[in-house]
Amino acid sequence: MSEETTDLSCAEFQAQLPDLIGSGENIADHAHLLKCENCSALLRDLETIAEAARQLFPIVEPPDELWAQIESAMQSEEAASDS
């Protein structure tokens, strides 16, 4: 990691945090987190909140026939508008 990355203030790190989290990479070993308990605690809190949200709103896969139904409805609308 570059010196620029290791010498971030908390404000600078927290400004970058959404992009770091959004990258999908494991940021637990980020140099700032290794030396800053406040930002480490913030990240743990955010992870706890994200996990609670996943439990409240689980990802539901649509039924296999959904796209066929959508395509059929679109074709029906198209045929009705051509008439």
C-alpha atoms as a PDB file:
ATOM      1  CA  MET A   1       0.000   0.000   0.000  1.00  0.00           C
ATOM      2  CA  SER A   2       1.266   3.447  -0.769  1.00  0.00           C
ATOM      3  CA  GLU A   3       2.256   5.877   1.960  1.00  0.00           C
ATOM      4  CA  GLU A   4      -0.630   8.076   0.823  1.00  0.00           C
ATOM      5  CA  THR A   5      -3.039   5.234   1.640  1.00  0.00           C
ATOM      6  CA  THR A   6      -1.475   4.456   5.013  1.00  0.00           C
ATOM      7  CA  ASP A   7      -1.496   8.069   6.266  1.00  0.00           C
ATOM      8  CA  LEU A   8      -5.171   8.857   5.718  1.00  0.00           C
ATOM      9  CA  SER A   9      -7.037  10.808   8.359  1.00  0.00           C
ATOM     10  CA  CYS A  10     -10.290   9.312   9.626  1.00  0.00           C
ATOM     11  CA  ALA A  11     -12.262  11.837   7.560  1.00  0.00           C
ATOM     12  CA  GLU A  12     -10.322  10.945   4.403  1.00  0.00           C
ATOM     13  CA  PHE A  13     -10.714   7.222   5.029  1.00  0.00           C
ATOM     14  CA  GLN A  14     -14.426   7.542   5.758  1.00  0.00           C
ATOM     15  CA  ALA A  15     -14.901   9.584   2.579  1.00  0.00           C
ATOM     16  CA  GLN A  16     -13.367   6.661   0.644  1.00  0.00           C
ATOM     17  CA  LEU A  17     -15.251   3.996   2.601  1.00  0.00           C
ATOM     18  CA  PRO A  18     -18.310   3.718   0.300  1.00  0.00           C
ATOM     19  CA  ASP A  19     -16.043   3.111  -2.704  1.00  0.00           C
ATOM     20  CA  LEU A  20     -13.915   0.644  -0.756  1.00  0.00           C
ATOM     21  CA  ILE A  21     -16.977  -1.300   0.368  1.00  0.00           C
ATOM     22  CA  GLY A  22     -18.523  -1.106  -3.104  1.00  0.00           C
ATOM     23  CA  SER A  23     -15.396  -2.557  -4.657  1.00  0.00           C
ATOM     24  CA  GLY A  24     -16.262  -5.922  -3.122  1.00  0.00           C
ATOM     25  CA  GLU A  25     -12.704  -6.344  -1.913  1.00  0.00           C
ATOM     26  CA  ASN A  26     -11.892  -7.369   1.645  1.00  0.00           C
ATOM     27  CA  ILE A  27     -10.891  -4.092   3.254  1.00  0.00           C
ATOM     28  CA  ALA A  28     -10.298  -5.521   6.740  1.00  0.00           C
ATOM     29  CA  ASP A  29      -6.540  -5.333   6.163  1.00  0.00           C
ATOM     30  CA  HIS A  30      -6.593  -1.723   4.962  1.00  0.00           C
ATOM     31  CA  ALA A  31      -3.675   0.129   6.566  1.00  0.00           C
ATOM     32  CA  HIS A  32      -5.924   2.744   8.167  1.00  0.00           C
ATOM     33  CA  LEU A  33      -8.157   0.127   9.768  1.00  0.00           C
ATOM     34  CA  LEU A  34      -5.149  -1.673  11.193  1.00  0.00           C
ATOM     35  CA  LYS A  35      -4.200   1.396  13.218  1.00  0.00           C
ATOM     36  CA  CYS A  36      -7.550   3.108  13.876  1.00  0.00           C
ATOM     37  CA  GLU A  37      -9.968   1.526  16.320  1.00  0.00           C
ATOM     38  CA  ASN A  38     -12.663   4.159  15.644  1.00  0.00           C
ATOM     39  CA  CYS A  39     -12.833   3.406  11.915  1.00  0.00           C
ATOM     40  CA  SER A  40     -12.568  -0.333  12.598  1.00  0.00           C
ATOM     41  CA  ALA A  41     -15.568  -0.051  14.916  1.00  0.00           C
ATOM     42  CA  LEU A  42     -17.428   1.970  12.281  1.00  0.00           C
ATOM     43  CA  LEU A  43     -16.814  -0.731   9.681  1.00  0.00           C
ATOM     44  CA  ARG A  44     -17.996  -3.441  12.092  1.00  0.00           C
ATOM     45  CA  ASP A  45     -21.163  -1.427  12.755  1.00  0.00           C
ATOM     46  CA  LEU A  46     -21.789  -1.004   9.024  1.00  0.00           C
ATOM     47  CA  GLU A  47     -21.293  -4.728   8.458  1.00  0.00           C
ATOM     48  CA  THR A  48     -23.768  -5.500  11.261  1.00  0.00           C
ATOM     49  CA  ILE A  49     -26.337  -3.135   9.744  1.00  0.00           C
ATOM     50  CA  ALA A  50     -25.833  -4.630   6.267  1.00  0.00           C
ATOM     51  CA  GLU A  51     -26.300  -8.166   7.610  1.00  0.00           C
ATOM     52  CA  ALA A  52     -29.491  -7.148   9.439  1.00  0.00           C
ATOM     53  CA  ALA A  53     -30.818  -5.572   6.226  1.00  0.00           C
ATOM     54  CA  ARG A  54     -30.090  -8.775   4.283  1.00  0.00           C
ATOM     55  CA  GLN A  55     -32.093 -10.725   6.851  1.00  0.00           C
ATOM     56  CA  LEU A  56     -34.996  -8.277   6.695  1.00  0.00           C
ATOM     57  CA  PHE A  57     -35.083  -8.196   2.908  1.00  0.00           C
ATOM     58  CA  PRO A  58     -33.822 -11.532   1.609  1.00  0.00           C
ATOM     59  CA  ILE A  59     -33.071 -11.864  -2.060  1.00  0.00           C
ATOM     60  CA  VAL A  60     -35.922 -13.708  -3.713  1.00  0.00           C
ATOM     61  CA  GLU A  61     -35.294 -15.328  -7.060  1.00  0.00           C
ATOM     62  CA  PRO A  62     -38.145 -14.840  -9.535  1.00  0.00           C
ATOM     63  CA  PRO A  63     -39.901 -17.945 -10.828  1.00  0.00           C
ATOM     64  CA  ASP A  64     -38.343 -19.532 -13.918  1.00  0.00           C
ATOM     65  CA  GLU A  65     -41.387 -18.780 -16.067  1.00  0.00           C
ATOM     66  CA  LEU A  66     -41.389 -15.037 -15.297  1.00  0.00           C
ATOM     67  CA  TRP A  67     -39.445 -13.957 -18.411  1.00  0.00           C
ATOM     68  CA  ALA A  68     -41.667 -16.095 -20.628  1.00  0.00           C
ATOM     69  CA  GLN A  69     -44.725 -14.412 -19.099  1.00  0.00           C
ATOM     70  CA  ILE A  70     -43.232 -10.947 -19.618  1.00  0.00           C
ATOM     71  CA  GLU A  71     -42.349 -11.738 -23.230  1.00  0.00           C
ATOM     72  CA  SER A  72     -45.836 -13.103 -23.868  1.00  0.00           C
ATOM     73  CA  ALA A  73     -47.451  -9.995 -22.349  1.00  0.00           C
ATOM     74  CA  MET A  74     -45.257  -7.732 -24.491  1.00  0.00           C
ATOM     75  CA  GLN A  75     -46.161  -9.663 -27.631  1.00  0.00           C
ATOM     76  CA  SER A  76     -49.856  -9.441 -26.735  1.00  0.00           C
ATOM     77  CA  GLU A  77     -49.600  -5.674 -26.225  1.00  0.00           C
ATOM     78  CA  GLU A  78     -47.691  -5.304 -29.483  1.00  0.00           C
ATOM     79  CA  ALA A  79     -50.302  -7.318 -31.380  1.00  0.00           C
ATOM     80  CA  ALA A  80     -53.121  -5.255 -29.824  1.00  0.00           C
ATOM     81  CA  SER A  81     -51.452  -1.972 -30.787  1.00  0.00           C
ATOM     82  CA  ASP A  82     -50.925  -3.189 -34.381  1.00  0.00           C
ATOM     83  CA  SER A  83     -54.658  -3.862 -34.754  1.00  0.00           C
END
